[in-house]
């Protein structure tokens, strides 16, 4: 039987993660020290090193916690919808609502995600579901679906970033509808595009 994490350990890790996010709102990640973190969280340095090697490992744990939440939302909706029902609108709405509920954390991460690690992780959560959707609903070639996914996800993440960094002036529901319109209107044009090379088509005619 899998052993559940100790509650004290969980509280300690949560305190360190929240302290890191609070500090990230005022200074770059690379300038945050373990000493500052421990003072903020009211935890001694020895306890910090029991759980994390350095500040960057703690930051990675924060990101992975967010990814776990998003993955759970994806899996929940995909398991609950009917076979012919599309889970994408529910998933996208959940993402916007999650960002609303965890606004300060997500803003801090987006502002300091200079290597785009967080963005790549978001892409990896959505990719398998959306690629299958494009192939199923639009009879798209896999290569076209892959190109469209990369085009689309960068646009969707851009919408999310702009919305977060400009103060969330619209509701999560409005942004989710806008994003789905972007998904479907673009798909109708993009996914009907043939990926066959001109030379191949010419050879088939001959």
N, C-alpha and C. Protein backbone atom coordinates (compact mmCIF):
# COMPACT_ATOMS: atom_id res chain seq x y z
N UNK A 1 0.85 -1.20 0.00
CA UNK A 1 0.00 0.00 0.00
C UNK A 1 0.88 1.25 0.00
N UNK A 2 0.54 2.19 -0.90
CA UNK A 2 1.36 3.40 -1.02
C UNK A 2 1.19 4.29 0.21
N UNK A 3 2.30 4.72 0.76
CA UNK A 3 2.27 5.54 1.97
C UNK A 3 1.96 6.98 1.61
N UNK A 4 1.00 7.58 2.33
CA UNK A 4 0.64 8.97 2.10
C UNK A 4 1.72 9.88 2.67
N UNK A 5 1.95 11.04 2.00
CA UNK A 5 2.96 11.97 2.52
C UNK A 5 2.59 12.45 3.93
N UNK A 6 3.59 12.60 4.77
CA UNK A 6 3.39 13.12 6.12
C UNK A 6 2.78 14.52 6.03
N UNK A 7 1.80 14.81 6.88
CA UNK A 7 1.13 16.12 6.84
C UNK A 7 2.09 17.26 7.13
N UNK A 8 3.02 17.02 8.05
CA UNK A 8 3.99 18.06 8.36
C UNK A 8 4.90 18.35 7.17
N UNK A 9 5.28 17.30 6.47
CA UNK A 9 6.10 17.47 5.26
C UNK A 9 5.32 18.26 4.22
N UNK A 10 4.06 17.90 4.05
CA UNK A 10 3.22 18.60 3.08
C UNK A 10 3.08 20.08 3.43
N UNK A 11 2.85 20.37 4.71
CA UNK A 11 2.72 21.77 5.13
C UNK A 11 4.02 22.54 4.93
N UNK A 12 5.14 21.88 5.21
CA UNK A 12 6.44 22.52 5.02
C UNK A 12 6.67 22.86 3.56
N UNK A 13 6.41 21.91 2.68
CA UNK A 13 6.61 22.13 1.24
C UNK A 13 5.68 23.21 0.72
N UNK A 14 4.44 23.20 1.18
CA UNK A 14 3.49 24.23 0.75
C UNK A 14 3.93 25.62 1.22
N UNK A 15 4.44 25.70 2.45
CA UNK A 15 4.91 26.99 2.98
C UNK A 15 6.09 27.51 2.16
N UNK A 16 7.00 26.62 1.80
CA UNK A 16 8.15 27.03 0.98
C UNK A 16 7.72 27.46 -0.41
N UNK A 17 6.79 26.72 -1.01
CA UNK A 17 6.32 27.07 -2.35
C UNK A 17 5.59 28.40 -2.35
N UNK A 18 4.74 28.63 -1.37
CA UNK A 18 4.02 29.91 -1.29
C UNK A 18 4.99 31.07 -1.03
N UNK A 19 5.99 30.83 -0.22
CA UNK A 19 6.99 31.86 0.06
C UNK A 19 7.79 32.20 -1.19
N UNK A 20 8.13 31.17 -1.97
CA UNK A 20 8.84 31.42 -3.22
C UNK A 20 8.00 32.27 -4.16
N UNK A 21 6.73 31.93 -4.33
CA UNK A 21 5.86 32.70 -5.23
C UNK A 21 5.71 34.14 -4.75
N UNK A 22 5.64 34.34 -3.44
CA UNK A 22 5.54 35.69 -2.90
C UNK A 22 6.80 36.50 -3.21
N UNK A 23 7.96 35.89 -3.05
CA UNK A 23 9.22 36.58 -3.34
C UNK A 23 9.38 36.85 -4.83
N UNK A 24 8.89 35.93 -5.67
CA UNK A 24 9.00 36.10 -7.13
C UNK A 24 8.20 37.28 -7.65
N UNK A 25 7.25 37.76 -6.89
CA UNK A 25 6.48 38.93 -7.31
C UNK A 25 7.29 40.21 -7.22
N UNK A 26 8.43 40.16 -6.52
CA UNK A 26 9.21 41.38 -6.29
C UNK A 26 10.66 41.28 -6.76
N UNK A 27 11.14 40.08 -7.07
CA UNK A 27 12.52 39.96 -7.50
C UNK A 27 12.70 38.74 -8.41
N UNK A 28 13.73 38.78 -9.26
CA UNK A 28 13.97 37.65 -10.17
C UNK A 28 14.29 36.37 -9.41
N UNK A 29 13.91 35.25 -10.00
CA UNK A 29 14.14 33.95 -9.37
C UNK A 29 15.61 33.75 -9.03
N UNK A 30 16.49 34.13 -9.95
CA UNK A 30 17.92 33.87 -9.75
C UNK A 30 18.51 34.68 -8.59
N UNK A 31 17.80 35.68 -8.11
CA UNK A 31 18.30 36.49 -6.99
C UNK A 31 17.74 36.03 -5.64
N UNK A 32 16.81 35.09 -5.67
CA UNK A 32 16.20 34.61 -4.43
C UNK A 32 17.13 33.57 -3.78
N UNK A 33 17.41 33.75 -2.52
CA UNK A 33 18.31 32.84 -1.81
C UNK A 33 17.52 31.90 -0.89
N UNK A 34 18.16 30.80 -0.54
CA UNK A 34 17.55 29.86 0.41
C UNK A 34 17.32 30.56 1.75
N UNK A 35 18.24 31.42 2.13
CA UNK A 35 18.10 32.14 3.40
C UNK A 35 16.83 32.99 3.41
N UNK A 36 16.61 33.75 2.33
CA UNK A 36 15.39 34.57 2.23
C UNK A 36 14.13 33.72 2.30
N UNK A 37 14.17 32.62 1.56
CA UNK A 37 13.01 31.72 1.53
C UNK A 37 12.68 31.19 2.92
N UNK A 38 13.71 30.77 3.62
CA UNK A 38 13.48 30.18 4.95
C UNK A 38 12.98 31.22 5.94
N UNK A 39 13.48 32.45 5.82
CA UNK A 39 12.98 33.52 6.68
C UNK A 39 11.51 33.80 6.39
N UNK A 40 11.17 33.84 5.11
CA UNK A 40 9.79 34.11 4.70
C UNK A 40 8.85 33.00 5.17
N UNK A 41 9.30 31.76 5.06
CA UNK A 41 8.45 30.62 5.42
C UNK A 41 8.55 30.25 6.90
N UNK A 42 9.48 30.92 7.62
CA UNK A 42 9.73 30.61 9.04
C UNK A 42 10.12 29.14 9.22
N UNK A 43 11.08 28.74 8.38
CA UNK A 43 11.58 27.36 8.38
C UNK A 43 13.11 27.42 8.38
N UNK A 44 13.78 26.54 9.09
CA UNK A 44 15.24 26.60 9.10
C UNK A 44 15.82 25.98 7.83
N UNK A 45 17.06 26.34 7.55
CA UNK A 45 17.69 25.92 6.29
C UNK A 45 17.87 24.42 6.23
N UNK A 46 18.15 23.80 7.36
CA UNK A 46 18.30 22.35 7.37
C UNK A 46 17.04 21.65 6.89
N UNK A 47 15.89 22.17 7.31
CA UNK A 47 14.61 21.60 6.88
C UNK A 47 14.42 21.80 5.38
N UNK A 48 14.81 22.98 4.88
CA UNK A 48 14.71 23.23 3.43
C UNK A 48 15.48 22.15 2.67
N UNK A 49 16.71 21.88 3.07
CA UNK A 49 17.56 20.95 2.32
C UNK A 49 17.13 19.48 2.49
N UNK A 50 16.25 19.22 3.43
CA UNK A 50 15.67 17.88 3.51
C UNK A 50 14.73 17.60 2.33
N UNK A 51 14.19 18.68 1.75
CA UNK A 51 13.16 18.53 0.71
C UNK A 51 13.62 18.99 -0.67
N UNK A 52 14.51 19.97 -0.73
CA UNK A 52 14.92 20.52 -2.02
C UNK A 52 16.43 20.75 -2.05
N UNK A 53 16.99 20.54 -3.22
CA UNK A 53 18.44 20.75 -3.39
C UNK A 53 18.77 22.23 -3.42
N UNK A 54 17.92 23.01 -4.10
CA UNK A 54 18.15 24.45 -4.21
C UNK A 54 16.84 25.14 -4.58
N UNK A 55 16.90 26.45 -4.81
CA UNK A 55 15.71 27.23 -5.15
C UNK A 55 15.10 26.77 -6.46
N UNK A 56 15.95 26.36 -7.40
CA UNK A 56 15.44 25.95 -8.72
C UNK A 56 14.65 24.65 -8.64
N UNK A 57 15.07 23.75 -7.77
CA UNK A 57 14.31 22.52 -7.59
C UNK A 57 12.94 22.82 -6.96
N UNK A 58 12.92 23.77 -6.03
CA UNK A 58 11.65 24.20 -5.43
C UNK A 58 10.75 24.82 -6.50
N UNK A 59 11.32 25.66 -7.34
CA UNK A 59 10.55 26.29 -8.43
C UNK A 59 9.98 25.23 -9.38
N UNK A 60 10.77 24.22 -9.67
CA UNK A 60 10.29 23.13 -10.52
C UNK A 60 9.12 22.40 -9.86
N UNK A 61 9.19 22.23 -8.55
CA UNK A 61 8.09 21.57 -7.83
C UNK A 61 6.81 22.40 -7.90
N UNK A 62 6.95 23.73 -7.86
CA UNK A 62 5.78 24.61 -8.01
C UNK A 62 5.13 24.39 -9.37
N UNK A 63 5.95 24.40 -10.41
CA UNK A 63 5.43 24.19 -11.77
C UNK A 63 4.77 22.83 -11.91
N UNK A 64 5.41 21.81 -11.38
CA UNK A 64 4.85 20.46 -11.51
C UNK A 64 3.53 20.33 -10.75
N UNK A 65 3.39 21.06 -9.65
CA UNK A 65 2.12 21.05 -8.93
C UNK A 65 1.00 21.61 -9.78
N UNK A 66 1.29 22.68 -10.52
CA UNK A 66 0.29 23.26 -11.42
C UNK A 66 -0.03 22.29 -12.55
N UNK A 67 1.00 21.65 -13.10
CA UNK A 67 0.77 20.69 -14.18
C UNK A 67 -0.08 19.51 -13.71
N UNK A 68 0.14 19.07 -12.48
CA UNK A 68 -0.67 17.97 -11.93
C UNK A 68 -2.14 18.37 -11.87
N UNK A 69 -2.41 19.61 -11.45
CA UNK A 69 -3.79 20.10 -11.39
C UNK A 69 -4.41 20.14 -12.78
N UNK A 70 -3.68 20.64 -13.75
CA UNK A 70 -4.21 20.73 -15.11
C UNK A 70 -4.42 19.34 -15.70
N UNK A 71 -3.49 18.44 -15.44
CA UNK A 71 -3.65 17.06 -15.92
C UNK A 71 -4.89 16.40 -15.34
N UNK A 72 -5.14 16.66 -14.06
CA UNK A 72 -6.35 16.09 -13.44
C UNK A 72 -7.61 16.63 -14.09
N UNK A 73 -7.61 17.92 -14.42
CA UNK A 73 -8.78 18.51 -15.08
C UNK A 73 -9.00 17.86 -16.44
N UNK A 74 -7.92 17.66 -17.20
CA UNK A 74 -8.02 17.03 -18.52
C UNK A 74 -8.57 15.62 -18.39
N UNK A 75 -7.99 14.83 -17.50
CA UNK A 75 -8.41 13.44 -17.36
C UNK A 75 -9.84 13.32 -16.84
N UNK A 76 -10.22 14.21 -15.94
CA UNK A 76 -11.59 14.17 -15.40
C UNK A 76 -12.61 14.41 -16.50
N UNK A 77 -12.39 15.45 -17.30
CA UNK A 77 -13.36 15.76 -18.35
C UNK A 77 -13.37 14.70 -19.44
N UNK A 78 -12.21 14.18 -19.77
CA UNK A 78 -12.16 13.16 -20.82
C UNK A 78 -12.83 11.86 -20.38
N UNK A 79 -12.82 11.58 -19.09
CA UNK A 79 -13.46 10.35 -18.61
C UNK A 79 -14.96 10.52 -18.41
N UNK A 80 -15.43 11.76 -18.27
CA UNK A 80 -16.83 12.00 -17.96
C UNK A 80 -17.70 12.26 -19.19
N UNK A 81 -17.12 12.76 -20.28
CA UNK A 81 -17.94 13.10 -21.44
C UNK A 81 -18.32 11.84 -22.22
N UNK A 82 -19.40 11.95 -22.99
CA UNK A 82 -19.81 10.87 -23.87
C UNK A 82 -18.80 10.70 -24.99
N UNK A 83 -18.83 9.54 -25.64
CA UNK A 83 -17.84 9.23 -26.68
C UNK A 83 -17.85 10.27 -27.80
N UNK A 84 -19.06 10.76 -28.17
CA UNK A 84 -19.16 11.71 -29.27
C UNK A 84 -19.16 13.16 -28.79
N UNK A 85 -18.89 13.38 -27.50
CA UNK A 85 -18.89 14.73 -26.94
C UNK A 85 -17.45 15.24 -26.87
N UNK A 86 -17.30 16.55 -27.05
CA UNK A 86 -15.98 17.16 -27.09
C UNK A 86 -15.61 17.71 -25.71
N UNK A 87 -14.54 17.21 -25.09
CA UNK A 87 -14.15 17.72 -23.77
C UNK A 87 -13.39 19.04 -23.81
N UNK A 88 -12.94 19.46 -25.01
CA UNK A 88 -12.05 20.62 -25.11
C UNK A 88 -12.62 21.89 -24.47
N UNK A 89 -13.91 22.26 -24.72
CA UNK A 89 -14.43 23.48 -24.09
C UNK A 89 -14.36 23.45 -22.57
N UNK A 90 -14.64 22.28 -21.97
CA UNK A 90 -14.60 22.16 -20.51
C UNK A 90 -13.16 22.28 -20.00
N UNK A 91 -12.24 21.67 -20.74
CA UNK A 91 -10.84 21.70 -20.33
C UNK A 91 -10.31 23.13 -20.36
N UNK A 92 -10.60 23.84 -21.45
CA UNK A 92 -10.10 25.21 -21.60
C UNK A 92 -10.71 26.12 -20.54
N UNK A 93 -12.00 25.96 -20.26
CA UNK A 93 -12.63 26.75 -19.20
C UNK A 93 -11.98 26.45 -17.86
N UNK A 94 -11.70 25.19 -17.59
CA UNK A 94 -11.05 24.81 -16.33
C UNK A 94 -9.68 25.48 -16.19
N UNK A 95 -8.95 25.56 -17.30
CA UNK A 95 -7.63 26.18 -17.26
C UNK A 95 -7.75 27.66 -16.89
N UNK A 96 -8.68 28.37 -17.54
CA UNK A 96 -8.87 29.79 -17.22
C UNK A 96 -9.34 29.97 -15.78
N UNK A 97 -10.21 29.10 -15.31
CA UNK A 97 -10.68 29.21 -13.93
C UNK A 97 -9.56 28.90 -12.93
N UNK A 98 -8.72 27.93 -13.29
CA UNK A 98 -7.57 27.62 -12.43
C UNK A 98 -6.64 28.83 -12.34
N UNK A 99 -6.38 29.47 -13.48
CA UNK A 99 -5.51 30.64 -13.48
C UNK A 99 -6.13 31.79 -12.67
N UNK A 100 -7.46 31.89 -12.68
CA UNK A 100 -8.13 32.91 -11.87
C UNK A 100 -7.94 32.62 -10.38
N UNK A 101 -8.14 31.37 -9.99
CA UNK A 101 -8.03 30.98 -8.58
C UNK A 101 -6.59 31.05 -8.07
N UNK A 102 -5.63 30.92 -8.98
CA UNK A 102 -4.21 30.93 -8.61
C UNK A 102 -3.50 32.06 -9.34
N UNK A 103 -4.15 33.20 -9.35
CA UNK A 103 -3.72 34.34 -10.17
C UNK A 103 -2.28 34.76 -9.88
N UNK A 104 -1.97 35.06 -8.62
CA UNK A 104 -0.65 35.57 -8.29
C UNK A 104 0.45 34.58 -8.64
N UNK A 105 0.20 33.30 -8.38
CA UNK A 105 1.20 32.27 -8.69
C UNK A 105 1.46 32.20 -10.19
N UNK A 106 0.39 32.19 -10.98
CA UNK A 106 0.54 32.05 -12.43
C UNK A 106 1.18 33.28 -13.05
N UNK A 107 0.83 34.47 -12.56
CA UNK A 107 1.46 35.70 -13.06
C UNK A 107 2.96 35.67 -12.77
N UNK A 108 3.32 35.30 -11.56
CA UNK A 108 4.74 35.25 -11.18
C UNK A 108 5.51 34.29 -12.08
N UNK A 109 4.91 33.14 -12.37
CA UNK A 109 5.59 32.15 -13.20
C UNK A 109 5.68 32.61 -14.65
N UNK A 110 4.59 33.13 -15.21
CA UNK A 110 4.62 33.61 -16.59
C UNK A 110 5.63 34.74 -16.75
N UNK A 111 5.72 35.63 -15.79
CA UNK A 111 6.64 36.76 -15.89
C UNK A 111 8.10 36.31 -15.87
N UNK A 112 8.39 35.19 -15.21
CA UNK A 112 9.78 34.77 -15.04
C UNK A 112 10.12 33.50 -15.83
N UNK A 113 9.23 33.09 -16.71
CA UNK A 113 9.46 31.86 -17.48
C UNK A 113 10.32 32.15 -18.71
N UNK A 114 11.55 32.61 -18.46
CA UNK A 114 12.40 33.06 -19.57
C UNK A 114 12.84 31.93 -20.49
N UNK A 115 12.94 30.74 -19.98
CA UNK A 115 13.34 29.60 -20.82
C UNK A 115 12.13 28.84 -21.37
N UNK A 116 10.93 29.35 -21.09
CA UNK A 116 9.67 28.76 -21.61
C UNK A 116 9.42 27.33 -21.14
N UNK A 117 10.00 26.94 -20.02
CA UNK A 117 9.76 25.59 -19.50
C UNK A 117 8.29 25.42 -19.14
N UNK A 118 7.71 26.41 -18.48
CA UNK A 118 6.31 26.33 -18.07
C UNK A 118 5.40 26.23 -19.30
N UNK A 119 5.69 27.02 -20.32
CA UNK A 119 4.88 26.97 -21.54
C UNK A 119 4.98 25.61 -22.22
N UNK A 120 6.17 25.04 -22.25
CA UNK A 120 6.33 23.71 -22.86
C UNK A 120 5.55 22.66 -22.08
N UNK A 121 5.49 22.81 -20.79
CA UNK A 121 4.73 21.85 -19.98
C UNK A 121 3.23 21.97 -20.23
N UNK A 122 2.75 23.20 -20.39
CA UNK A 122 1.33 23.37 -20.72
C UNK A 122 1.03 22.73 -22.07
N UNK A 123 1.91 22.93 -23.04
CA UNK A 123 1.72 22.32 -24.36
C UNK A 123 1.62 20.80 -24.25
N UNK A 124 2.46 20.22 -23.42
CA UNK A 124 2.48 18.75 -23.32
C UNK A 124 1.20 18.21 -22.71
N UNK A 125 0.54 18.99 -21.84
CA UNK A 125 -0.72 18.56 -21.24
C UNK A 125 -1.82 18.48 -22.29
N UNK A 126 -1.87 19.47 -23.17
CA UNK A 126 -2.98 19.58 -24.12
C UNK A 126 -2.77 18.80 -25.41
N UNK A 127 -1.52 18.55 -25.77
CA UNK A 127 -1.22 18.04 -27.11
C UNK A 127 -1.94 16.75 -27.50
N UNK A 128 -1.86 15.67 -26.74
CA UNK A 128 -2.47 14.40 -27.21
C UNK A 128 -3.96 14.53 -27.48
N UNK A 129 -4.68 15.23 -26.61
CA UNK A 129 -6.13 15.35 -26.76
C UNK A 129 -6.50 16.17 -27.99
N UNK A 130 -5.81 17.29 -28.20
CA UNK A 130 -6.18 18.15 -29.31
C UNK A 130 -5.78 17.55 -30.65
N UNK A 131 -4.64 16.89 -30.73
CA UNK A 131 -4.24 16.25 -31.98
C UNK A 131 -5.28 15.21 -32.39
N UNK A 132 -5.70 14.37 -31.44
CA UNK A 132 -6.73 13.37 -31.75
C UNK A 132 -8.04 14.02 -32.19
N UNK A 133 -8.37 15.13 -31.55
CA UNK A 133 -9.60 15.84 -31.90
C UNK A 133 -9.55 16.35 -33.34
N UNK A 134 -8.41 16.92 -33.74
CA UNK A 134 -8.29 17.44 -35.10
C UNK A 134 -8.42 16.32 -36.13
N UNK A 135 -7.79 15.19 -35.85
CA UNK A 135 -7.84 14.07 -36.79
C UNK A 135 -9.26 13.50 -36.86
N UNK A 136 -9.90 13.38 -35.70
CA UNK A 136 -11.25 12.80 -35.66
C UNK A 136 -12.30 13.73 -36.27
N UNK A 137 -12.31 14.99 -35.86
CA UNK A 137 -13.40 15.90 -36.25
C UNK A 137 -13.20 16.53 -37.62
N UNK A 138 -11.97 16.68 -38.06
CA UNK A 138 -11.71 17.37 -39.31
C UNK A 138 -11.03 16.49 -40.35
N UNK A 139 -10.90 15.19 -40.04
CA UNK A 139 -10.24 14.25 -40.94
C UNK A 139 -8.89 14.80 -41.40
N UNK A 140 -8.20 15.44 -40.49
CA UNK A 140 -6.93 16.07 -40.83
C UNK A 140 -5.83 15.02 -40.94
N UNK A 141 -4.88 15.30 -41.83
CA UNK A 141 -3.67 14.49 -41.86
C UNK A 141 -2.89 14.76 -40.57
N UNK A 142 -2.18 13.75 -40.10
CA UNK A 142 -1.48 13.90 -38.83
C UNK A 142 -0.45 15.03 -38.88
N UNK A 143 0.24 15.16 -40.02
CA UNK A 143 1.25 16.22 -40.15
C UNK A 143 0.60 17.60 -40.06
N UNK A 144 -0.56 17.77 -40.73
CA UNK A 144 -1.27 19.05 -40.68
C UNK A 144 -1.76 19.33 -39.26
N UNK A 145 -2.26 18.28 -38.59
CA UNK A 145 -2.74 18.44 -37.22
C UNK A 145 -1.61 18.87 -36.30
N UNK A 146 -0.42 18.33 -36.53
CA UNK A 146 0.73 18.67 -35.69
C UNK A 146 1.14 20.13 -35.88
N UNK A 147 1.18 20.58 -37.15
CA UNK A 147 1.50 21.98 -37.42
C UNK A 147 0.46 22.91 -36.81
N UNK A 148 -0.81 22.54 -37.00
CA UNK A 148 -1.88 23.39 -36.49
C UNK A 148 -1.84 23.45 -34.97
N UNK A 149 -1.55 22.33 -34.35
CA UNK A 149 -1.48 22.33 -32.88
C UNK A 149 -0.43 23.33 -32.40
N UNK A 150 0.75 23.31 -33.01
CA UNK A 150 1.81 24.21 -32.57
C UNK A 150 1.46 25.67 -32.81
N UNK A 151 0.82 25.93 -33.95
CA UNK A 151 0.34 27.30 -34.23
C UNK A 151 -0.71 27.71 -33.20
N UNK A 152 -1.65 26.81 -32.98
CA UNK A 152 -2.79 27.08 -32.11
C UNK A 152 -2.39 27.28 -30.66
N UNK A 153 -1.57 26.38 -30.15
CA UNK A 153 -1.27 26.42 -28.72
C UNK A 153 -0.48 27.67 -28.36
N UNK A 154 0.38 28.14 -29.28
CA UNK A 154 1.10 29.38 -29.02
C UNK A 154 0.13 30.56 -28.96
N UNK A 155 -0.88 30.55 -29.85
CA UNK A 155 -1.89 31.60 -29.82
C UNK A 155 -2.72 31.55 -28.55
N UNK A 156 -3.13 30.35 -28.15
CA UNK A 156 -3.94 30.20 -26.94
C UNK A 156 -3.17 30.61 -25.69
N UNK A 157 -1.91 30.23 -25.64
CA UNK A 157 -1.09 30.61 -24.49
C UNK A 157 -0.88 32.12 -24.48
N UNK A 158 -0.75 32.71 -25.68
CA UNK A 158 -0.65 34.17 -25.77
C UNK A 158 -1.89 34.85 -25.21
N UNK A 159 -3.07 34.29 -25.52
CA UNK A 159 -4.32 34.82 -24.97
C UNK A 159 -4.30 34.73 -23.45
N UNK A 160 -3.90 33.57 -22.93
CA UNK A 160 -3.87 33.37 -21.47
C UNK A 160 -2.90 34.35 -20.81
N UNK A 161 -1.71 34.50 -21.39
CA UNK A 161 -0.72 35.40 -20.81
C UNK A 161 -1.23 36.83 -20.80
N UNK A 162 -1.77 37.29 -21.94
CA UNK A 162 -2.25 38.67 -22.04
C UNK A 162 -3.37 38.91 -21.03
N UNK A 163 -4.26 37.94 -20.92
CA UNK A 163 -5.39 38.06 -19.99
C UNK A 163 -4.90 38.17 -18.54
N UNK A 164 -3.94 37.32 -18.18
CA UNK A 164 -3.41 37.35 -16.82
C UNK A 164 -2.65 38.64 -16.53
N UNK A 165 -1.79 39.02 -17.46
CA UNK A 165 -0.88 40.14 -17.21
C UNK A 165 -1.56 41.50 -17.35
N UNK A 166 -2.78 41.53 -17.90
CA UNK A 166 -3.52 42.80 -18.00
C UNK A 166 -4.67 42.86 -17.00
N UNK A 167 -4.66 41.96 -16.02
CA UNK A 167 -5.60 42.09 -14.91
C UNK A 167 -6.91 41.35 -15.04
N UNK A 168 -7.01 40.39 -15.97
CA UNK A 168 -8.21 39.54 -16.11
C UNK A 168 -9.49 40.37 -16.23
N UNK A 169 -9.54 41.26 -17.22
CA UNK A 169 -10.70 42.15 -17.37
C UNK A 169 -11.95 41.41 -17.86
N UNK A 170 -11.76 40.27 -18.50
CA UNK A 170 -12.89 39.46 -18.95
C UNK A 170 -13.01 38.22 -18.06
N UNK A 171 -14.20 37.63 -18.06
CA UNK A 171 -14.44 36.43 -17.24
C UNK A 171 -13.76 35.21 -17.87
N UNK A 172 -13.49 34.18 -17.08
CA UNK A 172 -12.96 32.94 -17.65
C UNK A 172 -13.88 32.36 -18.72
N UNK A 173 -15.19 32.51 -18.55
CA UNK A 173 -16.15 31.97 -19.53
C UNK A 173 -15.99 32.67 -20.88
N UNK A 174 -15.84 34.00 -20.86
CA UNK A 174 -15.66 34.77 -22.10
C UNK A 174 -14.38 34.36 -22.81
N UNK A 175 -13.29 34.24 -22.04
CA UNK A 175 -12.01 33.87 -22.65
C UNK A 175 -12.04 32.45 -23.18
N UNK A 176 -12.73 31.55 -22.49
CA UNK A 176 -12.83 30.16 -22.98
C UNK A 176 -13.60 30.11 -24.30
N UNK A 177 -14.69 30.90 -24.41
CA UNK A 177 -15.45 30.94 -25.67
C UNK A 177 -14.60 31.52 -26.79
N UNK A 178 -13.86 32.57 -26.49
CA UNK A 178 -12.99 33.18 -27.50
C UNK A 178 -11.94 32.17 -27.98
N UNK A 179 -11.36 31.45 -27.03
CA UNK A 179 -10.33 30.47 -27.38
C UNK A 179 -10.90 29.35 -28.23
N UNK A 180 -12.10 28.86 -27.90
CA UNK A 180 -12.72 27.80 -28.69
C UNK A 180 -13.06 28.28 -30.10
N UNK A 181 -13.46 29.55 -30.23
CA UNK A 181 -13.72 30.10 -31.57
C UNK A 181 -12.42 30.13 -32.37
N UNK A 182 -11.34 30.50 -31.71
CA UNK A 182 -10.02 30.51 -32.34
C UNK A 182 -9.63 29.09 -32.77
N UNK A 183 -9.91 28.12 -31.91
CA UNK A 183 -9.59 26.72 -32.22
C UNK A 183 -10.37 26.24 -33.44
N UNK A 184 -11.68 26.41 -33.43
CA UNK A 184 -12.52 25.80 -34.46
C UNK A 184 -12.52 26.56 -35.78
N UNK A 185 -12.52 27.90 -35.73
CA UNK A 185 -12.52 28.66 -36.98
C UNK A 185 -11.21 28.47 -37.73
N UNK A 186 -10.11 28.44 -36.99
CA UNK A 186 -8.82 28.19 -37.63
C UNK A 186 -8.71 26.78 -38.15
N UNK A 187 -9.28 25.83 -37.42
CA UNK A 187 -9.20 24.43 -37.82
C UNK A 187 -9.88 24.19 -39.16
N UNK A 188 -11.02 24.82 -39.37
CA UNK A 188 -11.76 24.60 -40.62
C UNK A 188 -10.92 25.01 -41.83
N UNK A 189 -10.13 26.06 -41.69
CA UNK A 189 -9.30 26.51 -42.80
C UNK A 189 -7.99 25.73 -42.87
N UNK A 190 -7.36 25.54 -41.75
CA UNK A 190 -6.01 25.00 -41.72
C UNK A 190 -5.96 23.50 -41.96
N UNK A 191 -6.89 22.78 -41.37
CA UNK A 191 -6.77 21.32 -41.38
C UNK A 191 -7.23 20.68 -42.68
N UNK A 192 -7.85 21.46 -43.56
CA UNK A 192 -8.20 20.93 -44.88
C UNK A 192 -7.06 21.09 -45.87
N UNK A 193 -5.99 21.73 -45.42
CA UNK A 193 -4.85 21.95 -46.29
C UNK A 193 -4.12 20.63 -46.53
N UNK A 194 -3.80 20.35 -47.79
CA UNK A 194 -3.10 19.11 -48.12
C UNK A 194 -1.61 19.26 -47.84
N UNK A 195 -1.04 18.27 -47.19
CA UNK A 195 0.39 18.28 -46.87
C UNK A 195 1.22 17.56 -47.92
N UNK A 196 0.59 17.10 -49.00
CA UNK A 196 1.34 16.40 -50.05
C UNK A 196 2.18 17.39 -50.83
N UNK A 197 3.37 16.96 -51.19
CA UNK A 197 4.27 17.81 -51.96
C UNK A 197 3.80 17.89 -53.41
N UNK A 198 4.01 19.03 -54.10
CA UNK A 198 3.57 19.17 -55.50
C UNK A 198 4.11 18.09 -56.41
N UNK A 199 5.38 17.70 -56.22
CA UNK A 199 5.98 16.68 -57.09
C UNK A 199 5.24 15.36 -56.96
N UNK A 200 4.83 15.03 -55.75
CA UNK A 200 4.12 13.77 -55.52
C UNK A 200 2.78 13.78 -56.24
N UNK A 201 2.06 14.90 -56.16
CA UNK A 201 0.77 15.00 -56.84
C UNK A 201 0.96 14.87 -58.35
N UNK A 202 2.01 15.51 -58.88
CA UNK A 202 2.25 15.47 -60.32
C UNK A 202 2.55 14.05 -60.77
N UNK A 203 3.34 13.31 -59.98
CA UNK A 203 3.66 11.93 -60.32
C UNK A 203 2.42 11.05 -60.33
N UNK A 204 1.49 11.33 -59.41
CA UNK A 204 0.27 10.54 -59.35
C UNK A 204 -0.59 10.76 -60.60
N UNK A 205 -0.56 11.99 -61.15
CA UNK A 205 -1.33 12.27 -62.37
C UNK A 205 -0.76 11.50 -63.56
N UNK A 206 0.57 11.36 -63.58
CA UNK A 206 1.21 10.67 -64.70
C UNK A 206 1.12 9.16 -64.51
